[in-house]
PDB file of N, CA and C in Angstrom:
ATOM      1  N   ASP A   1     127.012 242.028  66.645  1.00  0.00           N
ATOM      2  CA  ASP A   1     127.410 241.999  65.255  1.00  0.00           C
ATOM      3  C   ASP A   1     126.573 242.982  64.444  1.00  0.00           C
ATOM      4  N   LEU A   2     127.117 243.367  63.340  1.00  0.00           N
ATOM      5  CA  LEU A   2     126.483 244.328  62.448  1.00  0.00           C
ATOM      6  C   LEU A   2     126.075 243.625  61.160  1.00  0.00           C
ATOM      7  N   ALA A   3     124.855 243.841  60.724  1.00  0.00           N
ATOM      8  CA  ALA A   3     124.391 243.318  59.433  1.00  0.00           C
ATOM      9  C   ALA A   3     124.134 244.521  58.539  1.00  0.00           C
ATOM     10  N   LEU A   4     124.937 244.668  57.515  1.00  0.00           N
ATOM     11  CA  LEU A   4     124.813 245.786  56.574  1.00  0.00           C
ATOM     12  C   LEU A   4     124.138 245.279  55.313  1.00  0.00           C
ATOM     13  N   ILE A   5     122.947 245.791  55.005  1.00  0.00           N
ATOM     14  CA  ILE A   5     122.195 245.300  53.858  1.00  0.00           C
ATOM     15  C   ILE A   5     121.745 246.499  53.023  1.00  0.00           C
ATOM     16  N   ASP A   6     122.045 246.465  51.738  1.00  0.00           N
ATOM     17  CA  ASP A   6     121.678 247.531  50.820  1.00  0.00           C
ATOM     18  C   ASP A   6     120.191 247.444  50.488  1.00  0.00           C
ATOM     19  N   GLN A   7     119.487 248.563  50.616  1.00  0.00           N
ATOM     20  CA  GLN A   7     118.051 248.582  50.382  1.00  0.00           C
ATOM     21  C   GLN A   7     117.705 248.187  48.944  1.00  0.00           C
ATOM     22  N   HIS A   8     118.508 248.596  47.993  1.00  0.00           N
ATOM     23  CA  HIS A   8     118.222 248.253  46.598  1.00  0.00           C
ATOM     24  C   HIS A   8     118.345 246.748  46.359  1.00  0.00           C
ATOM     25  N   LEU A   9     119.279 246.099  47.024  1.00  0.00           N
ATOM     26  CA  LEU A   9     119.405 244.650  46.861  1.00  0.00           C
ATOM     27  C   LEU A   9     118.195 243.919  47.439  1.00  0.00           C
ATOM     28  N   LEU A  10     117.612 244.484  48.484  1.00  0.00           N
ATOM     29  CA  LEU A  10     116.441 243.856  49.084  1.00  0.00           C
ATOM     30  C   LEU A  10     115.249 243.850  48.133  1.00  0.00           C
ATOM     31  N   THR A  11     115.257 244.731  47.139  1.00  0.00           N
ATOM     32  CA  THR A  11     114.144 244.770  46.187  1.00  0.00           C
ATOM     33  C   THR A  11     114.265 243.688  45.121  1.00  0.00           C
ATOM     34  N   ALA A  12     115.411 243.043  45.049  1.00  0.00           N
ATOM     35  CA  ALA A  12     115.616 241.975  44.064  1.00  0.00           C
ATOM     36  C   ALA A  12     115.109 240.647  44.620  1.00  0.00           C
ATOM     37  N   GLY A  13     114.266 239.971  43.884  1.00  0.00           N
ATOM     38  CA  GLY A  13     113.686 238.718  44.338  1.00  0.00           C
ATOM     39  C   GLY A  13     114.710 237.649  44.643  1.00  0.00           C
ATOM     40  N   TRP A  14     115.867 237.693  44.002  1.00  0.00           N
ATOM     41  CA  TRP A  14     116.891 236.672  44.186  1.00  0.00           C
ATOM     42  C   TRP A  14     117.721 236.883  45.448  1.00  0.00           C
ATOM     43  N   PHE A  15     117.670 238.093  46.031  1.00  0.00           N
ATOM     44  CA  PHE A  15     118.605 238.421  47.101  1.00  0.00           C
ATOM     45  C   PHE A  15     118.497 237.496  48.308  1.00  0.00           C
ATOM     46  N   THR A  16     117.309 237.348  48.860  1.00  0.00           N
ATOM     47  CA  THR A  16     117.197 236.550  50.094  1.00  0.00           C
ATOM     48  C   THR A  16     117.457 235.068  49.838  1.00  0.00           C
ATOM     49  N   SER A  17     117.115 234.576  48.655  1.00  0.00           N
ATOM     50  CA  SER A  17     117.345 233.149  48.399  1.00  0.00           C
ATOM     51  C   SER A  17     118.815 232.832  48.150  1.00  0.00           C
ATOM     52  N   THR A  18     119.590 233.798  47.642  1.00  0.00           N
ATOM     53  CA  THR A  18     121.001 233.523  47.366  1.00  0.00           C
ATOM     54  C   THR A  18     121.954 234.139  48.383  1.00  0.00           C
ATOM     55  N   GLN A  19     121.523 235.202  49.068  1.00  0.00           N
ATOM     56  CA  GLN A  19     122.410 235.909  49.994  1.00  0.00           C
ATOM     57  C   GLN A  19     121.915 235.909  51.435  1.00  0.00           C
ATOM     58  N   GLY A  20     120.685 235.536  51.654  1.00  0.00           N
ATOM     59  CA  GLY A  20     120.103 235.578  52.987  1.00  0.00           C
ATOM     60  C   GLY A  20     120.852 234.768  54.027  1.00  0.00           C
ATOM     61  N   HIS A  21     121.490 233.693  53.610  1.00  0.00           N
ATOM     62  CA  HIS A  21     122.226 232.854  54.573  1.00  0.00           C
ATOM     63  C   HIS A  21     123.431 233.575  55.177  1.00  0.00           C
ATOM     64  N   PHE A  22     123.871 234.665  54.563  1.00  0.00           N
ATOM     65  CA  PHE A  22     124.967 235.463  55.128  1.00  0.00           C
ATOM     66  C   PHE A  22     124.491 236.342  56.291  1.00  0.00           C
ATOM     67  N   PHE A  23     123.176 236.402  56.498  1.00  0.00           N
ATOM     68  CA  PHE A  23     122.575 237.234  57.551  1.00  0.00           C
ATOM     69  C   PHE A  23     121.685 236.362  58.442  1.00  0.00           C
ATOM     70  N   PRO A  24     122.281 235.436  59.199  1.00  0.00           N
ATOM     71  CA  PRO A  24     121.481 234.477  59.963  1.00  0.00           C
ATOM     72  C   PRO A  24     120.626 235.105  61.065  1.00  0.00           C
ATOM     73  N   ASP A  25     120.990 236.296  61.539  1.00  0.00           N
ATOM     74  CA  ASP A  25     120.220 236.934  62.609  1.00  0.00           C
ATOM     75  C   ASP A  25     119.137 237.876  62.104  1.00  0.00           C
ATOM     76  N   VAL A  26     119.007 237.996  60.793  1.00  0.00           N
ATOM     77  CA  VAL A  26     117.999 238.882  60.206  1.00  0.00           C
ATOM     78  C   VAL A  26     116.855 238.020  59.683  1.00  0.00           C
ATOM     79  N   ILE A  27     115.637 238.416  60.045  1.00  0.00           N
ATOM     80  CA  ILE A  27     114.458 237.714  59.541  1.00  0.00           C
ATOM     81  C   ILE A  27     114.009 238.404  58.259  1.00  0.00           C
ATOM     82  N   PHE A  28     113.967 237.652  57.160  1.00  0.00           N
ATOM     83  CA  PHE A  28     113.449 238.160  55.894  1.00  0.00           C
ATOM     84  C   PHE A  28     112.041 237.602  55.730  1.00  0.00           C
ATOM     85  N   PRO A  29     111.018 238.455  55.752  1.00  0.00           N
ATOM     86  CA  PRO A  29     109.633 237.975  55.671  1.00  0.00           C
ATOM     87  C   PRO A  29     109.276 237.537  54.255  1.00  0.00           C
ATOM     88  N   HIS A  30     109.678 236.339  53.895  1.00  0.00           N
ATOM     89  CA  HIS A  30     109.472 235.814  52.539  1.00  0.00           C
ATOM     90  C   HIS A  30     107.998 235.718  52.184  1.00  0.00           C
ATOM     91  N   ARG A  31     107.763 235.782  50.936  1.00  0.00           N
ATOM     92  CA  ARG A  31     106.444 235.542  50.380  1.00  0.00           C
ATOM     93  C   ARG A  31     106.545 234.294  49.498  1.00  0.00           C
ATOM     94  N   TRP A  32     106.896 233.161  50.103  1.00  0.00           N
ATOM     95  CA  TRP A  32     107.159 231.961  49.321  1.00  0.00           C
ATOM     96  C   TRP A  32     105.928 231.453  48.593  1.00  0.00           C
ATOM     97  N   GLY A  33     104.747 231.845  49.014  1.00  0.00           N
ATOM     98  CA  GLY A  33     103.531 231.397  48.340  1.00  0.00           C
ATOM     99  C   GLY A  33     103.362 232.011  46.962  1.00  0.00           C
ATOM    100  N   ARG A  34     103.995 233.152  46.722  1.00  0.00           N
ATOM    101  CA  ARG A  34     103.860 233.817  45.430  1.00  0.00           C
ATOM    102  C   ARG A  34     105.200 233.810  44.704  1.00  0.00           C
ATOM    103  N   LEU A  35     105.178 233.467  43.443  1.00  0.00           N
ATOM    104  CA  LEU A  35     106.391 233.503  42.642  1.00  0.00           C
ATOM    105  C   LEU A  35     106.261 234.580  41.574  1.00  0.00           C
ATOM    106  N   SER A  36     107.360 235.265  41.319  1.00  0.00           N
ATOM    107  CA  SER A  36     107.397 236.252  40.258  1.00  0.00           C
ATOM    108  C   SER A  36     107.198 235.525  38.929  1.00  0.00           C
ATOM    109  N   PRO A  37     106.250 235.974  38.097  1.00  0.00           N
ATOM    110  CA  PRO A  37     106.024 235.293  36.817  1.00  0.00           C
ATOM    111  C   PRO A  37     107.253 235.300  35.911  1.00  0.00           C
ATOM    112  N   SER A  38     108.060 236.354  35.990  1.00  0.00           N
ATOM    113  CA  SER A  38     109.202 236.460  35.075  1.00  0.00           C
ATOM    114  C   SER A  38     110.417 235.663  35.539  1.00  0.00           C
ATOM    115  N   THR A  39     110.661 235.604  36.846  1.00  0.00           N
ATOM    116  CA  THR A  39     111.883 234.946  37.328  1.00  0.00           C
ATOM    117  C   THR A  39     111.613 233.650  38.078  1.00  0.00           C
ATOM    118  N   ARG A  40     110.352 233.384  38.437  1.00  0.00           N
ATOM    119  CA  ARG A  40     109.976 232.200  39.215  1.00  0.00           C
ATOM    120  C   ARG A  40     110.667 232.156  40.574  1.00  0.00           C
ATOM    121  N   THR A  41     111.009 233.327  41.107  1.00  0.00           N
ATOM    122  CA  THR A  41     111.608 233.427  42.437  1.00  0.00           C
ATOM    123  C   THR A  41     110.565 234.031  43.374  1.00  0.00           C
ATOM    124  N   PRO A  42     110.727 233.871  44.685  1.00  0.00           N
ATOM    125  CA  PRO A  42     109.752 234.439  45.620  1.00  0.00           C
ATOM    126  C   PRO A  42     109.659 235.952  45.470  1.00  0.00           C
ATOM    127  N   THR A  43     108.435 236.472  45.529  1.00  0.00           N
ATOM    128  CA  THR A  43     108.267 237.922  45.481  1.00  0.00           C
ATOM    129  C   THR A  43     108.746 238.518  46.788  1.00  0.00           C
ATOM    130  N   ASN A  44     109.082 239.768  46.748  1.00  0.00           N
ATOM    131  CA  ASN A  44     109.684 240.419  47.906  1.00  0.00           C
ATOM    132  C   ASN A  44     108.669 240.923  48.911  1.00  0.00           C
ATOM    133  N   PHE A  45     109.195 241.408  49.988  1.00  0.00           N
ATOM    134  CA  PHE A  45     108.463 241.996  51.090  1.00  0.00           C
ATOM    135  C   PHE A  45     108.733 243.491  51.045  1.00  0.00           C
ATOM    136  N   ASN A  46     107.948 244.249  51.798  1.00  0.00           N
ATOM    137  CA  ASN A  46     108.220 245.687  51.826  1.00  0.00           C
ATOM    138  C   ASN A  46     109.039 246.048  53.073  1.00  0.00           C
ATOM    139  N   CYS A  47     109.460 247.285  53.131  1.00  0.00           N
ATOM    140  CA  CYS A  47     110.332 247.764  54.206  1.00  0.00           C
ATOM    141  C   CYS A  47     109.652 247.639  55.576  1.00  0.00           C
ATOM    142  N   ALA A  48     108.376 247.965  55.644  1.00  0.00           N
ATOM    143  CA  ALA A  48     107.655 247.868  56.920  1.00  0.00           C
ATOM    144  C   ALA A  48     107.628 246.432  57.421  1.00  0.00           C
ATOM    145  N   GLN A  49     107.444 245.467  56.535  1.00  0.00           N
ATOM    146  CA  GLN A  49     107.422 244.060  56.936  1.00  0.00           C
ATOM    147  C   GLN A  49     108.794 243.622  57.453  1.00  0.00           C
ATOM    148  N   LEU A  50     109.862 244.114  56.824  1.00  0.00           N
ATOM    149  CA  LEU A  50     111.215 243.797  57.286  1.00  0.00           C
ATOM    150  C   LEU A  50     111.464 244.400  58.666  1.00  0.00           C
ATOM    151  N   LEU A  51     111.066 245.649  58.869  1.00  0.00           N
ATOM    152  CA  LEU A  51     111.239 246.293  60.175  1.00  0.00           C
ATOM    153  C   LEU A  51     110.402 245.587  61.232  1.00  0.00           C
ATOM    154  N   ASP A  52     109.143 245.292  60.917  1.00  0.00           N
ATOM    155  CA  ASP A  52     108.268 244.598  61.866  1.00  0.00           C
ATOM    156  C   ASP A  52     108.872 243.276  62.318  1.00  0.00           C
ATOM    157  N   ALA A  53     109.481 242.544  61.396  1.00  0.00           N
ATOM    158  CA  ALA A  53     110.033 241.222  61.705  1.00  0.00           C
ATOM    159  C   ALA A  53     111.302 241.303  62.555  1.00  0.00           C
ATOM    160  N   ASN A  54     111.997 242.452  62.527  1.00  0.00           N
ATOM    161  CA  ASN A  54     113.308 242.526  63.180  1.00  0.00           C
ATOM    162  C   ASN A  54     113.427 243.561  64.289  1.00  0.00           C
ATOM    163  N   ILE A  55     112.484 244.446  64.440  1.00  0.00           N
ATOM    164  CA  ILE A  55     112.616 245.573  65.372  1.00  0.00           C
ATOM    165  C   ILE A  55     112.799 245.120  66.822  1.00  0.00           C
ATOM    166  N   ALA A  56     112.189 244.033  67.224  1.00  0.00           N
ATOM    167  CA  ALA A  56     112.315 243.568  68.606  1.00  0.00           C
ATOM    168  C   ALA A  56     113.583 242.735  68.817  1.00  0.00           C
ATOM    169  N   ARG A  57     114.242 242.349  67.738  1.00  0.00           N
ATOM    170  CA  ARG A  57     115.396 241.461  67.820  1.00  0.00           C
ATOM    171  C   ARG A  57     116.723 242.186  67.940  1.00  0.00           C
ATOM    172  N   ARG A  58     116.809 243.385  67.334  1.00  0.00           N
ATOM    173  CA  ARG A  58     118.094 244.085  67.272  1.00  0.00           C
ATOM    174  C   ARG A  58     117.869 245.543  66.931  1.00  0.00           C
ATOM    175  N   PRO A  59     118.842 246.403  67.256  1.00  0.00           N
ATOM    176  CA  PRO A  59     118.732 247.802  66.835  1.00  0.00           C
ATOM    177  C   PRO A  59     118.811 247.892  65.308  1.00  0.00           C
ATOM    178  N   ILE A  60     118.083 248.826  64.747  1.00  0.00           N
ATOM    179  CA  ILE A  60     118.118 249.041  63.304  1.00  0.00           C
ATOM    180  C   ILE A  60     118.567 250.467  63.044  1.00  0.00           C
ATOM    181  N   VAL A  61     119.612 250.611  62.261  1.00  0.00           N
ATOM    182  CA  VAL A  61     120.164 251.927  61.930  1.00  0.00           C
ATOM    183  C   VAL A  61     120.100 252.094  60.418  1.00  0.00           C
ATOM    184  N   VAL A  62     119.581 253.209  59.974  1.00  0.00           N
ATOM    185  CA  VAL A  62     119.511 253.520  58.547  1.00  0.00           C
ATOM    186  C   VAL A  62     120.608 254.540  58.259  1.00  0.00           C
ATOM    187  N   VAL A  63     121.432 254.251  57.268  1.00  0.00           N
ATOM    188  CA  VAL A  63     122.516 255.156  56.891  1.00  0.00           C
ATOM    189  C   VAL A  63     122.174 255.771  55.539  1.00  0.00           C
ATOM    190  N   GLY A  64     122.140 257.092  55.485  1.00  0.00           N
ATOM    191  CA  GLY A  64     121.873 257.767  54.221  1.00  0.00           C
ATOM    192  C   GLY A  64     120.409 257.863  53.850  1.00  0.00           C
ATOM    193  N   GLY A  65     119.519 257.555  54.772  1.00  0.00           N
ATOM    194  CA  GLY A  65     118.084 257.651  54.504  1.00  0.00           C
ATOM    195  C   GLY A  65     117.552 256.441  53.772  1.00  0.00           C
ATOM    196  N   LEU A  66     116.241 256.361  53.701  1.00  0.00           N
ATOM    197  CA  LEU A  66     115.582 255.286  52.965  1.00  0.00           C
ATOM    198  C   LEU A  66     115.167 255.827  51.604  1.00  0.00           C
ATOM    199  N   LYS A  67     115.293 255.007  50.598  1.00  0.00           N
ATOM    200  CA  LYS A  67     114.978 255.420  49.234  1.00  0.00           C
ATOM    201  C   LYS A  67     113.470 255.471  49.031  1.00  0.00           C
ATOM    202  N   ASP A  68     113.051 256.266  48.079  1.00  0.00           N
ATOM    203  CA  ASP A  68     111.630 256.432  47.785  1.00  0.00           C
ATOM    204  C   ASP A  68     110.995 255.236  47.088  1.00  0.00           C
ATOM    205  N   ILE A  69     111.770 254.194  46.850  1.00  0.00           N
ATOM    206  CA  ILE A  69     111.209 253.029  46.176  1.00  0.00           C
ATOM    207  C   ILE A  69     110.186 252.304  47.057  1.00  0.00           C
ATOM    208  N   ASP A  70     110.237 252.564  48.369  1.00  0.00           N
ATOM    209  CA  ASP A  70     109.314 251.898  49.300  1.00  0.00           C
ATOM    210  C   ASP A  70     109.083 252.811  50.501  1.00  0.00           C
ATOM    211  N   ASN A  71     107.887 253.345  50.608  1.00  0.00           N
ATOM    212  CA  ASN A  71     107.551 254.227  51.725  1.00  0.00           C
ATOM    213  C   ASN A  71     106.632 253.551  52.742  1.00  0.00           C
ATOM    214  N   SER A  72     106.539 252.240  52.694  1.00  0.00           N
ATOM    215  CA  SER A  72     105.632 251.518  53.588  1.00  0.00           C
ATOM    216  C   SER A  72     105.965 251.739  55.061  1.00  0.00           C
ATOM    217  N   TRP A  73     107.211 252.011  55.370  1.00  0.00           N
ATOM    218  CA  TRP A  73     107.660 252.180  56.750  1.00  0.00           C
ATOM    219  C   TRP A  73     107.095 253.442  57.390  1.00  0.00           C
ATOM    220  N   ARG A  74     106.713 254.425  56.605  1.00  0.00           N
ATOM    221  CA  ARG A  74     106.279 255.735  57.133  1.00  0.00           C
ATOM    222  C   ARG A  74     105.038 255.656  58.020  1.00  0.00           C
ATOM    223  N   ARG A  75     104.213 254.640  57.844  1.00  0.00           N
ATOM    224  CA  ARG A  75     102.991 254.533  58.642  1.00  0.00           C
ATOM    225  C   ARG A  75     103.287 254.287  60.120  1.00  0.00           C
ATOM    226  N   ASP A  76     104.265 253.426  60.415  1.00  0.00           N
ATOM    227  CA  ASP A  76     104.520 253.024  61.800  1.00  0.00           C
ATOM    228  C   ASP A  76     105.891 253.401  62.345  1.00  0.00           C
ATOM    229  N   TYR A  77     106.766 253.921  61.495  1.00  0.00           N
ATOM    230  CA  TYR A  77     108.146 254.213  61.912  1.00  0.00           C
ATOM    231  C   TYR A  77     108.532 255.633  61.506  1.00  0.00           C
ATOM    232  N   HIS A  78     109.584 256.143  62.139  1.00  0.00           N
ATOM    233  CA  HIS A  78     110.149 257.438  61.735  1.00  0.00           C
ATOM    234  C   HIS A  78     111.656 257.391  61.922  1.00  0.00           C
ATOM    235  N   LEU A  79     112.344 258.244  61.183  1.00  0.00           N
ATOM    236  CA  LEU A  79     113.802 258.306  61.276  1.00  0.00           C
ATOM    237  C   LEU A  79     114.207 259.338  62.333  1.00  0.00           C
ATOM    238  N   VAL A  80     115.211 259.016  63.117  1.00  0.00           N
ATOM    239  CA  VAL A  80     115.715 259.903  64.150  1.00  0.00           C
ATOM    240  C   VAL A  80     117.180 260.198  63.832  1.00  0.00           C
ATOM    241  N   PRO A  81     117.517 261.466  63.558  1.00  0.00           N
ATOM    242  CA  PRO A  81     118.920 261.798  63.270  1.00  0.00           C
ATOM    243  C   PRO A  81     119.825 261.514  64.478  1.00  0.00           C
ATOM    244  N   VAL A  82     120.999 260.949  64.194  1.00  0.00           N
ATOM    245  CA  VAL A  82     121.968 260.631  65.235  1.00  0.00           C
ATOM    246  C   VAL A  82     123.341 261.076  64.737  1.00  0.00           C
ATOM    247  N   GLY A  83     124.133 261.654  65.595  1.00  0.00           N
ATOM    248  CA  GLY A  83     125.495 262.035  65.215  1.00  0.00           C
ATOM    249  C   GLY A  83     125.588 263.482  64.760  1.00  0.00           C
ATOM    250  N   LEU A  84     126.687 263.760  64.081  1.00  0.00           N
ATOM    251  CA  LEU A  84     126.945 265.122  63.663  1.00  0.00           C
ATOM    252  C   LEU A  84     126.115 265.530  62.505  1.00  0.00           C
TER     253      LEU A  84
END
């Protein structure tokens, strides 16, 4: 199966609590111990934490590159062009 998740939606604190159940095979590394002061929802995780939690479970394909909003993945991962 394919899980298509928009990177910008992952930056929203509400996403995993309201939409995460649609992706049962994806591990979202919640930070339930910390709540956002403005929304009282769990604070988010970074891209590297998401990759670390899922890399051994399934192939991960990035379409259109990763946005500059989070460069945490650059330390341990790299993008490999595939296709035309």
